[in-house]
């Protein structure tokens, strides 16, 4: 199965949370916050959304940071994804 987003939607796969802090403290499972960093898995076509022309600025493979409470969580074939609007993505992480 494959998720194909519509309009200005983007499918993200969350990156794993760090198990230890920079100072070396190991975090138990419930203490870990879900990261707001994800990899772009699929991108919608853009086009006219709510009467405005939308050009997609992210592409598959980009690592991005998204708003904390954004999107819809989806579980598909034992994998979890988040579907967000492009304007819920706040930055692209460049190496």
Protein backbone atom coordinates (compact mmCIF):
# COMPACT_ATOMS: atom_id res chain seq x y z
CA UNK A 1 0.00 0.00 0.00
CA UNK A 2 1.08 3.56 -0.68
CA UNK A 3 -0.13 6.92 0.67
CA UNK A 4 -0.67 9.54 -2.04
CA UNK A 5 -1.40 12.99 -0.56
CA UNK A 6 -3.81 15.40 -2.23
CA UNK A 7 -3.52 19.18 -2.67
CA UNK A 8 -0.98 20.79 -0.34
CA UNK A 9 -0.63 17.75 1.94
CA UNK A 10 2.68 16.07 2.80
CA UNK A 11 3.22 12.57 4.26
CA UNK A 12 5.95 12.45 6.94
CA UNK A 13 7.67 9.60 8.78
CA UNK A 14 8.82 10.65 12.22
CA UNK A 15 12.50 10.26 13.02
CA UNK A 16 13.37 8.23 16.13
CA UNK A 17 13.74 10.04 19.46
CA UNK A 18 17.16 9.98 21.07
CA UNK A 19 17.56 7.40 23.83
CA UNK A 20 20.14 9.44 25.76
CA UNK A 21 20.66 13.15 26.37
CA UNK A 22 23.84 14.94 25.32
CA UNK A 23 25.08 14.66 28.91
CA UNK A 24 24.68 10.85 28.79
CA UNK A 25 21.45 10.40 30.77
CA UNK A 26 19.40 7.45 29.48
CA UNK A 27 15.71 8.33 29.05
CA UNK A 28 12.96 5.82 29.88
CA UNK A 29 10.29 5.27 27.20
CA UNK A 30 7.60 7.51 28.70
CA UNK A 31 10.02 10.41 29.32
CA UNK A 32 10.88 10.71 25.65
CA UNK A 33 9.02 13.40 23.77
CA UNK A 34 7.99 12.64 20.23
CA UNK A 35 10.44 14.42 17.95
CA UNK A 36 9.14 17.18 15.71
CA UNK A 37 11.62 16.16 13.05
CA UNK A 38 10.55 13.89 10.20
CA UNK A 39 11.43 12.71 6.73
CA UNK A 40 9.19 13.55 3.77
CA UNK A 41 7.77 10.33 2.28
CA UNK A 42 5.31 11.76 -0.27
CA UNK A 43 4.26 15.22 -1.49
CA UNK A 44 0.92 16.32 -2.93
CA UNK A 45 0.70 18.12 -6.27
CA UNK A 46 -0.04 21.57 -4.82
CA UNK A 47 -2.25 23.59 -7.15
CA UNK A 48 -5.13 25.82 -6.08
CA UNK A 49 -6.07 25.28 -2.41
CA UNK A 50 -8.76 27.49 -0.82
CA UNK A 51 -8.57 29.86 -3.78
CA UNK A 52 -4.80 30.38 -3.54
CA UNK A 53 -2.06 28.98 -5.77
CA UNK A 54 0.17 26.64 -3.72
CA UNK A 55 3.65 25.66 -4.93
CA UNK A 56 5.15 22.71 -3.07
CA UNK A 57 8.49 23.66 -1.49
CA UNK A 58 9.45 20.28 -0.02
CA UNK A 59 10.41 17.10 -1.84
CA UNK A 60 10.62 13.41 -1.01
CA UNK A 61 13.66 12.69 1.15
CA UNK A 62 13.82 16.14 2.80
CA UNK A 63 14.23 16.20 6.57
CA UNK A 64 11.84 18.76 8.06
CA UNK A 65 10.64 20.21 11.35
CA UNK A 66 6.87 20.51 11.74
CA UNK A 67 4.49 22.16 14.21
CA UNK A 68 4.04 20.22 17.45
CA UNK A 69 0.30 19.51 17.23
CA UNK A 70 0.01 19.44 13.43
CA UNK A 71 -1.35 16.76 11.19
CA UNK A 72 -3.20 13.49 11.29
CA UNK A 73 -1.48 10.33 12.47
CA UNK A 74 -2.02 7.30 10.22
CA UNK A 75 -0.96 3.68 10.77
CA UNK A 76 -0.47 1.69 7.60
CA UNK A 77 1.04 -1.82 7.48
CA UNK A 78 2.59 -1.51 10.98
CA UNK A 79 4.23 1.83 10.13
CA UNK A 80 3.14 5.20 11.48
CA UNK A 81 2.94 8.30 9.31
CA UNK A 82 1.76 11.87 9.79
CA UNK A 83 -0.15 13.74 7.08
CA UNK A 84 0.29 17.53 7.40
CA UNK A 85 -0.44 20.61 5.33
CA UNK A 86 2.67 22.15 3.82
CA UNK A 87 2.21 25.30 5.94
CA UNK A 88 2.52 23.14 9.12
CA UNK A 89 6.15 22.47 8.12
CA UNK A 90 8.27 25.20 9.68
CA UNK A 91 11.75 24.37 8.32
CA UNK A 92 13.82 22.09 6.12
CA UNK A 93 16.89 20.63 7.88
CA UNK A 94 20.01 20.81 5.70
CA UNK A 95 23.22 18.90 6.47
